[in-house]
Amino acid sequence: MWRLKDDPRFGYLAVGYDQEDRIRYISAFVNKSTVKEKFSFQEIGDLNKAKKEIIKPHYRYIWDVPAKDDRPAYQVIAYGDNPDFLTILSLNSSSSTASKEED
């Protein structure tokens, strides 16, 4: 995990790898004590097009982005403990999501 010094929205960044050392996910975390700009869920994407997993006070929105040309499919996942603003933003490779479902 890396600490971000000058980002007004996020405080930390984490990268996860698979067994072949390929990137599985990248996640950015809000540091609630130092955040200068809040990031709304609507800034990520259309909430009507997202899969919603809401168990108050936890809000998770998931967008599946299909593969296009040479770019593989991936997921955008926004999580927050507030209905308006996120606290974690992740990009996950679709292959890592599929392997989790198989486990």
PDB file of N, CA and C in Angstrom:
ATOM      1  N   MET A   1       0.855  -1.171   0.000  1.00  0.00           N
ATOM      2  CA  MET A   1       0.000   0.000   0.000  1.00  0.00           C
ATOM      3  C   MET A   1       0.899   1.231   0.000  1.00  0.00           C
ATOM      4  N   TRP A   2       0.492   2.207  -0.812  1.00  0.00           N
ATOM      5  CA  TRP A   2       1.240   3.458  -0.889  1.00  0.00           C
ATOM      6  C   TRP A   2       0.391   4.587  -0.315  1.00  0.00           C
ATOM      7  N   ARG A   3       1.038   5.504   0.340  1.00  0.00           N
ATOM      8  CA  ARG A   3       0.386   6.712   0.842  1.00  0.00           C
ATOM      9  C   ARG A   3       0.521   7.776  -0.229  1.00  0.00           C
ATOM     10  N   LEU A   4      -0.579   8.429  -0.557  1.00  0.00           N
ATOM     11  CA  LEU A   4      -0.574   9.500  -1.549  1.00  0.00           C
ATOM     12  C   LEU A   4      -0.457  10.829  -0.821  1.00  0.00           C
ATOM     13  N   LYS A   5       0.517  11.634  -1.205  1.00  0.00           N
ATOM     14  CA  LYS A   5       0.771  12.888  -0.489  1.00  0.00           C
ATOM     15  C   LYS A   5      -0.122  14.043  -0.917  1.00  0.00           C
ATOM     16  N   ASP A   6      -0.270  14.252  -2.210  1.00  0.00           N
ATOM     17  CA  ASP A   6      -0.901  15.484  -2.675  1.00  0.00           C
ATOM     18  C   ASP A   6      -2.230  15.277  -3.383  1.00  0.00           C
ATOM     19  N   ASP A   7      -2.836  14.122  -3.258  1.00  0.00           N
ATOM     20  CA  ASP A   7      -4.116  13.892  -3.914  1.00  0.00           C
ATOM     21  C   ASP A   7      -5.230  14.417  -3.013  1.00  0.00           C
ATOM     22  N   PRO A   8      -6.114  15.303  -3.528  1.00  0.00           N
ATOM     23  CA  PRO A   8      -7.159  15.880  -2.680  1.00  0.00           C
ATOM     24  C   PRO A   8      -8.285  14.904  -2.337  1.00  0.00           C
ATOM     25  N   ARG A   9      -8.390  13.780  -3.070  1.00  0.00           N
ATOM     26  CA  ARG A   9      -9.497  12.849  -2.857  1.00  0.00           C
ATOM     27  C   ARG A   9      -9.105  11.555  -2.155  1.00  0.00           C
ATOM     28  N   PHE A  10      -7.928  11.040  -2.454  1.00  0.00           N
ATOM     29  CA  PHE A  10      -7.538   9.737  -1.930  1.00  0.00           C
ATOM     30  C   PHE A  10      -6.274   9.835  -1.094  1.00  0.00           C
ATOM     31  N   GLY A  11      -6.176   8.964  -0.086  1.00  0.00           N
ATOM     32  CA  GLY A  11      -5.020   8.966   0.794  1.00  0.00           C
ATOM     33  C   GLY A  11      -4.076   7.803   0.566  1.00  0.00           C
ATOM     34  N   TYR A  12      -4.608   6.692   0.033  1.00  0.00           N
ATOM     35  CA  TYR A  12      -3.799   5.483  -0.120  1.00  0.00           C
ATOM     36  C   TYR A  12      -4.154   4.773  -1.420  1.00  0.00           C
ATOM     37  N   LEU A  13      -3.200   3.991  -1.906  1.00  0.00           N
ATOM     38  CA  LEU A  13      -3.386   3.210  -3.122  1.00  0.00           C
ATOM     39  C   LEU A  13      -2.829   1.812  -2.878  1.00  0.00           C
ATOM     40  N   ALA A  14      -3.583   0.798  -3.274  1.00  0.00           N
ATOM     41  CA  ALA A  14      -3.132  -0.594  -3.138  1.00  0.00           C
ATOM     42  C   ALA A  14      -3.242  -1.283  -4.490  1.00  0.00           C
ATOM     43  N   VAL A  15      -2.305  -2.186  -4.747  1.00  0.00           N
ATOM     44  CA  VAL A  15      -2.298  -2.973  -5.978  1.00  0.00           C
ATOM     45  C   VAL A  15      -2.211  -4.437  -5.587  1.00  0.00           C
ATOM     46  N   GLY A  16      -3.082  -5.257  -6.174  1.00  0.00           N
ATOM     47  CA  GLY A  16      -3.054  -6.695  -5.922  1.00  0.00           C
ATOM     48  C   GLY A  16      -2.641  -7.441  -7.177  1.00  0.00           C
ATOM     49  N   TYR A  17      -1.916  -8.514  -6.993  1.00  0.00           N
ATOM     50  CA  TYR A  17      -1.389  -9.302  -8.114  1.00  0.00           C
ATOM     51  C   TYR A  17      -1.908 -10.733  -8.045  1.00  0.00           C
ATOM     52  N   ASP A  18      -1.988 -11.388  -9.212  1.00  0.00           N
ATOM     53  CA  ASP A  18      -2.359 -12.799  -9.239  1.00  0.00           C
ATOM     54  C   ASP A  18      -1.104 -13.665  -9.129  1.00  0.00           C
ATOM     55  N   GLN A  19      -1.260 -14.961  -9.257  1.00  0.00           N
ATOM     56  CA  GLN A  19      -0.126 -15.877  -9.093  1.00  0.00           C
ATOM     57  C   GLN A  19       0.910 -15.743 -10.202  1.00  0.00           C
ATOM     58  N   GLU A  20       0.513 -15.155 -11.335  1.00  0.00           N
ATOM     59  CA  GLU A  20       1.460 -14.930 -12.434  1.00  0.00           C
ATOM     60  C   GLU A  20       2.022 -13.506 -12.408  1.00  0.00           C
ATOM     61  N   ASP A  21       1.844 -12.802 -11.293  1.00  0.00           N
ATOM     62  CA  ASP A  21       2.318 -11.427 -11.107  1.00  0.00           C
ATOM     63  C   ASP A  21       1.677 -10.423 -12.055  1.00  0.00           C
ATOM     64  N   ARG A  22       0.461 -10.718 -12.501  1.00  0.00           N
ATOM     65  CA  ARG A  22      -0.315  -9.749 -13.281  1.00  0.00           C
ATOM     66  C   ARG A  22      -1.192  -8.965 -12.313  1.00  0.00           C
ATOM     67  N   ILE A  23      -1.451  -7.726 -12.657  1.00  0.00           N
ATOM     68  CA  ILE A  23      -2.289  -6.896 -11.783  1.00  0.00           C
ATOM     69  C   ILE A  23      -3.715  -7.432 -11.794  1.00  0.00           C
ATOM     70  N   ARG A  24      -4.243  -7.705 -10.600  1.00  0.00           N
ATOM     71  CA  ARG A  24      -5.629  -8.149 -10.419  1.00  0.00           C
ATOM     72  C   ARG A  24      -6.548  -6.983 -10.120  1.00  0.00           C
ATOM     73  N   TYR A  25      -6.044  -6.051  -9.299  1.00  0.00           N
ATOM     74  CA  TYR A  25      -6.865  -4.892  -8.939  1.00  0.00           C
ATOM     75  C   TYR A  25      -5.971  -3.728  -8.530  1.00  0.00           C
ATOM     76  N   ILE A  26      -6.563  -2.551  -8.629  1.00  0.00           N
ATOM     77  CA  ILE A  26      -5.972  -1.322  -8.101  1.00  0.00           C
ATOM     78  C   ILE A  26      -7.081  -0.655  -7.296  1.00  0.00           C
ATOM     79  N   SER A  27      -6.806  -0.330  -6.046  1.00  0.00           N
ATOM     80  CA  SER A  27      -7.810   0.301  -5.188  1.00  0.00           C
ATOM     81  C   SER A  27      -7.258   1.580  -4.584  1.00  0.00           C
ATOM     82  N   ALA A  28      -8.084   2.616  -4.603  1.00  0.00           N
ATOM     83  CA  ALA A  28      -7.741   3.894  -3.980  1.00  0.00           C
ATOM     84  C   ALA A  28      -8.662   4.079  -2.775  1.00  0.00           C
ATOM     85  N   PHE A  29      -8.084   4.506  -1.660  1.00  0.00           N
ATOM     86  CA  PHE A  29      -8.809   4.642  -0.399  1.00  0.00           C
ATOM     87  C   PHE A  29      -8.818   6.097   0.049  1.00  0.00           C
ATOM     88  N   VAL A  30      -9.986   6.555   0.482  1.00  0.00           N
ATOM     89  CA  VAL A  30     -10.113   7.896   1.038  1.00  0.00           C
ATOM     90  C   VAL A  30      -9.582   7.876   2.468  1.00  0.00           C
ATOM     91  N   ASN A  31      -8.794   8.881   2.807  1.00  0.00           N
ATOM     92  CA  ASN A  31      -8.392   9.083   4.200  1.00  0.00           C
ATOM     93  C   ASN A  31      -9.359  10.134   4.746  1.00  0.00           C
ATOM     94  N   LYS A  32     -10.338   9.698   5.517  1.00  0.00           N
ATOM     95  CA  LYS A  32     -11.396  10.600   5.973  1.00  0.00           C
ATOM     96  C   LYS A  32     -10.884  11.780   6.784  1.00  0.00           C
ATOM     97  N   SER A  33      -9.738  11.640   7.425  1.00  0.00           N
ATOM     98  CA  SER A  33      -9.225  12.734   8.254  1.00  0.00           C
ATOM     99  C   SER A  33      -8.485  13.795   7.437  1.00  0.00           C
ATOM    100  N   THR A  34      -8.106  13.487   6.195  1.00  0.00           N
ATOM    101  CA  THR A  34      -7.349  14.466   5.401  1.00  0.00           C
ATOM    102  C   THR A  34      -7.992  14.805   4.059  1.00  0.00           C
ATOM    103  N   VAL A  35      -9.105  14.166   3.711  1.00  0.00           N
ATOM    104  CA  VAL A  35      -9.715  14.387   2.399  1.00  0.00           C
ATOM    105  C   VAL A  35     -10.120  15.854   2.229  1.00  0.00           C
ATOM    106  N   LYS A  36      -9.791  16.418   1.063  1.00  0.00           N
ATOM    107  CA  LYS A  36     -10.136  17.813   0.762  1.00  0.00           C
ATOM    108  C   LYS A  36     -11.325  17.907  -0.183  1.00  0.00           C
ATOM    109  N   GLU A  37     -11.495  16.895  -1.042  1.00  0.00           N
ATOM    110  CA  GLU A  37     -12.607  16.865  -1.996  1.00  0.00           C
ATOM    111  C   GLU A  37     -13.295  15.516  -1.904  1.00  0.00           C
ATOM    112  N   LYS A  38     -14.591  15.522  -1.660  1.00  0.00           N
ATOM    113  CA  LYS A  38     -15.335  14.268  -1.619  1.00  0.00           C
ATOM    114  C   LYS A  38     -15.672  13.837  -3.048  1.00  0.00           C
ATOM    115  N   PHE A  39     -15.741  12.530  -3.248  1.00  0.00           N
ATOM    116  CA  PHE A  39     -15.944  11.934  -4.559  1.00  0.00           C
ATOM    117  C   PHE A  39     -17.313  11.245  -4.539  1.00  0.00           C
ATOM    118  N   SER A  40     -18.265  11.757  -5.313  1.00  0.00           N
ATOM    119  CA  SER A  40     -19.604  11.167  -5.301  1.00  0.00           C
ATOM    120  C   SER A  40     -19.658   9.936  -6.198  1.00  0.00           C
ATOM    121  N   PHE A  41     -20.574   9.040  -5.878  1.00  0.00           N
ATOM    122  CA  PHE A  41     -20.762   7.846  -6.694  1.00  0.00           C
ATOM    123  C   PHE A  41     -21.129   8.216  -8.132  1.00  0.00           C
ATOM    124  N   GLN A  42     -21.909   9.271  -8.299  1.00  0.00           N
ATOM    125  CA  GLN A  42     -22.350   9.686  -9.628  1.00  0.00           C
ATOM    126  C   GLN A  42     -21.194  10.131 -10.514  1.00  0.00           C
ATOM    127  N   GLU A  43     -20.093  10.557  -9.919  1.00  0.00           N
ATOM    128  CA  GLU A  43     -18.926  10.947 -10.710  1.00  0.00           C
ATOM    129  C   GLU A  43     -18.259   9.741 -11.368  1.00  0.00           C
ATOM    130  N   ILE A  44     -18.485   8.559 -10.839  1.00  0.00           N
ATOM    131  CA  ILE A  44     -17.889   7.341 -11.388  1.00  0.00           C
ATOM    132  C   ILE A  44     -18.669   6.863 -12.600  1.00  0.00           C
ATOM    133  N   GLY A  45     -19.983   6.838 -12.486  1.00  0.00           N
ATOM    134  CA  GLY A  45     -20.800   6.350 -13.595  1.00  0.00           C
ATOM    135  C   GLY A  45     -22.274   6.482 -13.280  1.00  0.00           C
ATOM    136  N   ASP A  46     -23.075   6.108 -14.249  1.00  0.00           N
ATOM    137  CA  ASP A  46     -24.524   6.152 -14.131  1.00  0.00           C
ATOM    138  C   ASP A  46     -24.965   5.084 -13.123  1.00  0.00           C
ATOM    139  N   LEU A  47     -25.541   5.513 -12.018  1.00  0.00           N
ATOM    140  CA  LEU A  47     -25.948   4.571 -10.974  1.00  0.00           C
ATOM    141  C   LEU A  47     -27.051   3.632 -11.452  1.00  0.00           C
ATOM    142  N   ASN A  48     -27.837   4.062 -12.437  1.00  0.00           N
ATOM    143  CA  ASN A  48     -28.884   3.197 -12.983  1.00  0.00           C
ATOM    144  C   ASN A  48     -28.303   2.023 -13.767  1.00  0.00           C
ATOM    145  N   LYS A  49     -27.057   2.148 -14.215  1.00  0.00           N
ATOM    146  CA  LYS A  49     -26.410   1.079 -14.981  1.00  0.00           C
ATOM    147  C   LYS A  49     -25.528   0.194 -14.104  1.00  0.00           C
ATOM    148  N   ALA A  50     -25.408   0.536 -12.845  1.00  0.00           N
ATOM    149  CA  ALA A  50     -24.546  -0.219 -11.926  1.00  0.00           C
ATOM    150  C   ALA A  50     -25.334  -1.311 -11.215  1.00  0.00           C
ATOM    151  N   LYS A  51     -24.639  -2.391 -10.895  1.00  0.00           N
ATOM    152  CA  LYS A  51     -25.195  -3.396  -9.988  1.00  0.00           C
ATOM    153  C   LYS A  51     -25.058  -2.797  -8.593  1.00  0.00           C
ATOM    154  N   LYS A  52     -26.119  -2.858  -7.820  1.00  0.00           N
ATOM    155  CA  LYS A  52     -26.113  -2.236  -6.493  1.00  0.00           C
ATOM    156  C   LYS A  52     -26.113  -3.308  -5.411  1.00  0.00           C
ATOM    157  N   GLU A  53     -25.256  -3.118  -4.430  1.00  0.00           N
ATOM    158  CA  GLU A  53     -25.241  -3.968  -3.239  1.00  0.00           C
ATOM    159  C   GLU A  53     -25.310  -3.018  -2.047  1.00  0.00           C
ATOM    160  N   ILE A  54     -26.505  -2.831  -1.534  1.00  0.00           N
ATOM    161  CA  ILE A  54     -26.702  -1.854  -0.464  1.00  0.00           C
ATOM    162  C   ILE A  54     -27.277  -2.545   0.767  1.00  0.00           C
ATOM    163  N   ILE A  55     -26.512  -2.513   1.830  1.00  0.00           N
ATOM    164  CA  ILE A  55     -26.955  -2.944   3.153  1.00  0.00           C
ATOM    165  C   ILE A  55     -26.531  -1.802   4.072  1.00  0.00           C
ATOM    166  N   LYS A  56     -27.474  -0.894   4.327  1.00  0.00           N
ATOM    167  CA  LYS A  56     -27.141   0.331   5.051  1.00  0.00           C
ATOM    168  C   LYS A  56     -26.379   0.027   6.318  1.00  0.00           C
ATOM    169  N   PRO A  57     -25.312   0.730   6.602  1.00  0.00           N
ATOM    170  CA  PRO A  57     -24.801   1.926   5.950  1.00  0.00           C
ATOM    171  C   PRO A  57     -23.742   1.644   4.879  1.00  0.00           C
ATOM    172  N   HIS A  58     -23.770   0.495   4.242  1.00  0.00           N
ATOM    173  CA  HIS A  58     -22.756   0.159   3.241  1.00  0.00           C
ATOM    174  C   HIS A  58     -23.367   0.241   1.845  1.00  0.00           C
ATOM    175  N   TYR A  59     -22.689   0.972   0.971  1.00  0.00           N
ATOM    176  CA  TYR A  59     -23.162   1.201  -0.392  1.00  0.00           C
ATOM    177  C   TYR A  59     -22.071   0.765  -1.358  1.00  0.00           C
ATOM    178  N   ARG A  60     -22.428  -0.160  -2.247  1.00  0.00           N
ATOM    179  CA  ARG A  60     -21.454  -0.637  -3.232  1.00  0.00           C
ATOM    180  C   ARG A  60     -22.132  -0.618  -4.604  1.00  0.00           C
ATOM    181  N   TYR A  61     -21.440   0.000  -5.571  1.00  0.00           N
ATOM    182  CA  TYR A  61     -21.916   0.059  -6.949  1.00  0.00           C
ATOM    183  C   TYR A  61     -20.852  -0.576  -7.831  1.00  0.00           C
ATOM    184  N   ILE A  62     -21.300  -1.457  -8.730  1.00  0.00           N
ATOM    185  CA  ILE A  62     -20.371  -2.202  -9.579  1.00  0.00           C
ATOM    186  C   ILE A  62     -20.779  -2.024 -11.034  1.00  0.00           C
ATOM    187  N   TRP A  63     -19.819  -1.585 -11.836  1.00  0.00           N
ATOM    188  CA  TRP A  63     -20.021  -1.446 -13.272  1.00  0.00           C
ATOM    189  C   TRP A  63     -19.143  -2.472 -13.983  1.00  0.00           C
ATOM    190  N   ASP A  64     -19.738  -3.267 -14.868  1.00  0.00           N
ATOM    191  CA  ASP A  64     -18.977  -4.194 -15.704  1.00  0.00           C
ATOM    192  C   ASP A  64     -18.670  -3.490 -17.015  1.00  0.00           C
ATOM    193  N   VAL A  65     -17.395  -3.372 -17.322  1.00  0.00           N
ATOM    194  CA  VAL A  65     -16.955  -2.713 -18.554  1.00  0.00           C
ATOM    195  C   VAL A  65     -16.496  -3.815 -19.505  1.00  0.00           C
ATOM    196  N   PRO A  66     -17.174  -3.967 -20.650  1.00  0.00           N
ATOM    197  CA  PRO A  66     -16.821  -5.060 -21.562  1.00  0.00           C
ATOM    198  C   PRO A  66     -15.483  -4.834 -22.252  1.00  0.00           C
ATOM    199  N   ALA A  67     -14.907  -5.935 -22.706  1.00  0.00           N
ATOM    200  CA  ALA A  67     -13.660  -5.861 -23.479  1.00  0.00           C
ATOM    201  C   ALA A  67     -13.930  -5.104 -24.778  1.00  0.00           C
ATOM    202  N   LYS A  68     -12.905  -4.423 -25.254  1.00  0.00           N
ATOM    203  CA  LYS A  68     -13.032  -3.692 -26.515  1.00  0.00           C
ATOM    204  C   LYS A  68     -11.666  -3.671 -27.185  1.00  0.00           C
ATOM    205  N   ASP A  69     -11.632  -4.096 -28.431  1.00  0.00           N
ATOM    206  CA  ASP A  69     -10.379  -4.174 -29.179  1.00  0.00           C
ATOM    207  C   ASP A  69      -9.357  -4.971 -28.360  1.00  0.00           C
ATOM    208  N   ASP A  70      -8.224  -4.367 -28.028  1.00  0.00           N
ATOM    209  CA  ASP A  70      -7.182  -5.066 -27.265  1.00  0.00           C
ATOM    210  C   ASP A  70      -7.321  -4.895 -25.752  1.00  0.00           C
ATOM    211  N   ARG A  71      -8.300  -4.114 -25.318  1.00  0.00           N
ATOM    212  CA  ARG A  71      -8.476  -3.864 -23.885  1.00  0.00           C
ATOM    213  C   ARG A  71      -9.364  -4.952 -23.278  1.00  0.00           C
ATOM    214  N   PRO A  72      -8.908  -5.626 -22.231  1.00  0.00           N
ATOM    215  CA  PRO A  72      -9.734  -6.673 -21.605  1.00  0.00           C
ATOM    216  C   PRO A  72     -10.893  -6.072 -20.804  1.00  0.00           C
ATOM    217  N   ALA A  73     -11.879  -6.894 -20.526  1.00  0.00           N
ATOM    218  CA  ALA A  73     -13.003  -6.477 -19.688  1.00  0.00           C
ATOM    219  C   ALA A  73     -12.510  -6.234 -18.258  1.00  0.00           C
ATOM    220  N   TYR A  74     -13.204  -5.362 -17.551  1.00  0.00           N
ATOM    221  CA  TYR A  74     -12.852  -5.095 -16.156  1.00  0.00           C
ATOM    222  C   TYR A  74     -14.079  -4.602 -15.413  1.00  0.00           C
ATOM    223  N   GLN A  75     -13.950  -4.480 -14.110  1.00  0.00           N
ATOM    224  CA  GLN A  75     -15.014  -3.947 -13.266  1.00  0.00           C
ATOM    225  C   GLN A  75     -14.539  -2.688 -12.566  1.00  0.00           C
ATOM    226  N   VAL A  76     -15.476  -1.766 -12.401  1.00  0.00           N
ATOM    227  CA  VAL A  76     -15.256  -0.582 -11.573  1.00  0.00           C
ATOM    228  C   VAL A  76     -16.158  -0.770 -10.353  1.00  0.00           C
ATOM    229  N   ILE A  77     -15.561  -0.715  -9.170  1.00  0.00           N
ATOM    230  CA  ILE A  77     -16.319  -0.921  -7.939  1.00  0.00           C
ATOM    231  C   ILE A  77     -16.118   0.291  -7.034  1.00  0.00           C
ATOM    232  N   ALA A  78     -17.235   0.910  -6.659  1.00  0.00           N
ATOM    233  CA  ALA A  78     -17.196   2.056  -5.752  1.00  0.00           C
ATOM    234  C   ALA A  78     -17.917   1.661  -4.468  1.00  0.00           C
ATOM    235  N   TYR A  79     -17.273   1.894  -3.335  1.00  0.00           N
ATOM    236  CA  TYR A  79     -17.828   1.533  -2.033  1.00  0.00           C
ATOM    237  C   TYR A  79     -17.811   2.758  -1.128  1.00  0.00           C
ATOM    238  N   GLY A  80     -18.815   2.867  -0.289  1.00  0.00           N
ATOM    239  CA  GLY A  80     -18.826   3.934   0.700  1.00  0.00           C
ATOM    240  C   GLY A  80     -19.731   3.591   1.865  1.00  0.00           C
ATOM    241  N   ASP A  81     -19.510   4.278   2.971  1.00  0.00           N
ATOM    242  CA  ASP A  81     -20.367   4.105   4.141  1.00  0.00           C
ATOM    243  C   ASP A  81     -21.274   5.323   4.307  1.00  0.00           C
ATOM    244  N   ASN A  82     -21.460   6.033   3.207  1.00  0.00           N
ATOM    245  CA  ASN A  82     -22.303   7.217   3.123  1.00  0.00           C
ATOM    246  C   ASN A  82     -23.056   7.082   1.799  1.00  0.00           C
ATOM    247  N   PRO A  83     -24.348   7.387   1.734  1.00  0.00           N
ATOM    248  CA  PRO A  83     -25.084   7.196   0.485  1.00  0.00           C
ATOM    249  C   PRO A  83     -24.651   8.116  -0.654  1.00  0.00           C
ATOM    250  N   ASP A  84     -23.901   9.151  -0.356  1.00  0.00           N
ATOM    251  CA  ASP A  84     -23.531  10.122  -1.383  1.00  0.00           C
ATOM    252  C   ASP A  84     -22.077  10.060  -1.824  1.00  0.00           C
ATOM    253  N   PHE A  85     -21.170   9.640  -0.944  1.00  0.00           N
ATOM    254  CA  PHE A  85     -19.740   9.729  -1.253  1.00  0.00           C
ATOM    255  C   PHE A  85     -19.034   8.398  -1.031  1.00  0.00           C
ATOM    256  N   LEU A  86     -18.101   8.102  -1.914  1.00  0.00           N
ATOM    257  CA  LEU A  86     -17.373   6.843  -1.804  1.00  0.00           C
ATOM    258  C   LEU A  86     -16.155   6.976  -0.906  1.00  0.00           C
ATOM    259  N   THR A  87     -15.708   5.832  -0.406  1.00  0.00           N
ATOM    260  CA  THR A  87     -14.488   5.789   0.399  1.00  0.00           C
ATOM    261  C   THR A  87     -13.435   4.868  -0.222  1.00  0.00           C
ATOM    262  N   ILE A  88     -13.864   3.972  -1.130  1.00  0.00           N
ATOM    263  CA  ILE A  88     -12.930   3.089  -1.841  1.00  0.00           C
ATOM    264  C   ILE A  88     -13.361   3.009  -3.297  1.00  0.00           C
ATOM    265  N   LEU A  89     -12.401   3.134  -4.192  1.00  0.00           N
ATOM    266  CA  LEU A  89     -12.640   2.984  -5.623  1.00  0.00           C
ATOM    267  C   LEU A  89     -11.669   1.942  -6.142  1.00  0.00           C
ATOM    268  N   SER A  90     -12.194   0.909  -6.816  1.00  0.00           N
ATOM    269  CA  SER A  90     -11.344  -0.175  -7.314  1.00  0.00           C
ATOM    270  C   SER A  90     -11.593  -0.450  -8.785  1.00  0.00           C
ATOM    271  N   LEU A  91     -10.523  -0.820  -9.468  1.00  0.00           N
ATOM    272  CA  LEU A  91     -10.590  -1.373 -10.817  1.00  0.00           C
ATOM    273  C   LEU A  91     -10.123  -2.809 -10.691  1.00  0.00           C
ATOM    274  N   ASN A  92     -10.965  -3.747 -11.103  1.00  0.00           N
ATOM    275  CA  ASN A  92     -10.638  -5.170 -10.992  1.00  0.00           C
ATOM    276  C   ASN A  92     -10.637  -5.791 -12.374  1.00  0.00           C
ATOM    277  N   SER A  93      -9.662  -6.629 -12.631  1.00  0.00           N
ATOM    278  CA  SER A  93      -9.683  -7.359 -13.891  1.00  0.00           C
ATOM    279  C   SER A  93     -10.834  -8.352 -13.833  1.00  0.00           C
ATOM    280  N   SER A  94     -11.521  -8.534 -14.943  1.00  0.00           N
ATOM    281  CA  SER A  94     -12.643  -9.472 -14.970  1.00  0.00           C
ATOM    282  C   SER A  94     -12.179 -10.896 -14.724  1.00  0.00           C
ATOM    283  N   SER A  95     -10.959 -11.220 -15.117  1.00  0.00           N
ATOM    284  CA  SER A  95     -10.458 -12.577 -14.882  1.00  0.00           C
ATOM    285  C   SER A  95     -10.296 -12.845 -13.391  1.00  0.00           C
ATOM    286  N   SER A  96      -9.940 -11.827 -12.602  1.00  0.00           N
ATOM    287  CA  SER A  96      -9.808 -12.041 -11.157  1.00  0.00           C
ATOM    288  C   SER A  96     -11.181 -12.225 -10.526  1.00  0.00           C
ATOM    289  N   THR A  97     -12.203 -11.559 -11.060  1.00  0.00           N
ATOM    290  CA  THR A  97     -13.560 -11.723 -10.554  1.00  0.00           C
ATOM    291  C   THR A  97     -14.060 -13.124 -10.858  1.00  0.00           C
ATOM    292  N   ALA A  98     -13.781 -13.613 -12.066  1.00  0.00           N
ATOM    293  CA  ALA A  98     -14.219 -14.954 -12.445  1.00  0.00           C
ATOM    294  C   ALA A  98     -13.547 -16.013 -11.587  1.00  0.00           C
ATOM    295  N   SER A  99     -12.269 -15.840 -11.302  1.00  0.00           N
ATOM    296  CA  SER A  99     -11.569 -16.840 -10.496  1.00  0.00           C
ATOM    297  C   SER A  99     -12.076 -16.841  -9.058  1.00  0.00           C
ATOM    298  N   LYS A 100     -12.510 -15.689  -8.534  1.00  0.00           N
ATOM    299  CA  LYS A 100     -13.068 -15.637  -7.185  1.00  0.00           C
ATOM    300  C   LYS A 100     -14.383 -16.414  -7.129  1.00  0.00           C
ATOM    301  N   GLU A 101     -15.200 -16.288  -8.210  1.00  0.00           N
ATOM    302  CA  GLU A 101     -16.484 -16.964  -8.240  1.00  0.00           C
ATOM    303  C   GLU A 101     -16.312 -18.470  -8.341  1.00  0.00           C
ATOM    304  N   GLU A 102     -15.217 -18.936  -8.945  1.00  0.00           N
ATOM    305  CA  GLU A 102     -14.974 -20.360  -9.093  1.00  0.00           C
ATOM    306  C   GLU A 102     -14.503 -20.985  -7.790  1.00  0.00           C
ATOM    307  N   ASP A 103     -13.879 -20.193  -6.898  1.00  0.00           N
ATOM    308  CA  ASP A 103     -13.345 -20.723  -5.633  1.00  0.00           C
ATOM    309  C   ASP A 103     -14.434 -21.197  -4.705  1.00  0.00           C
TER     310      ASP A 103
END
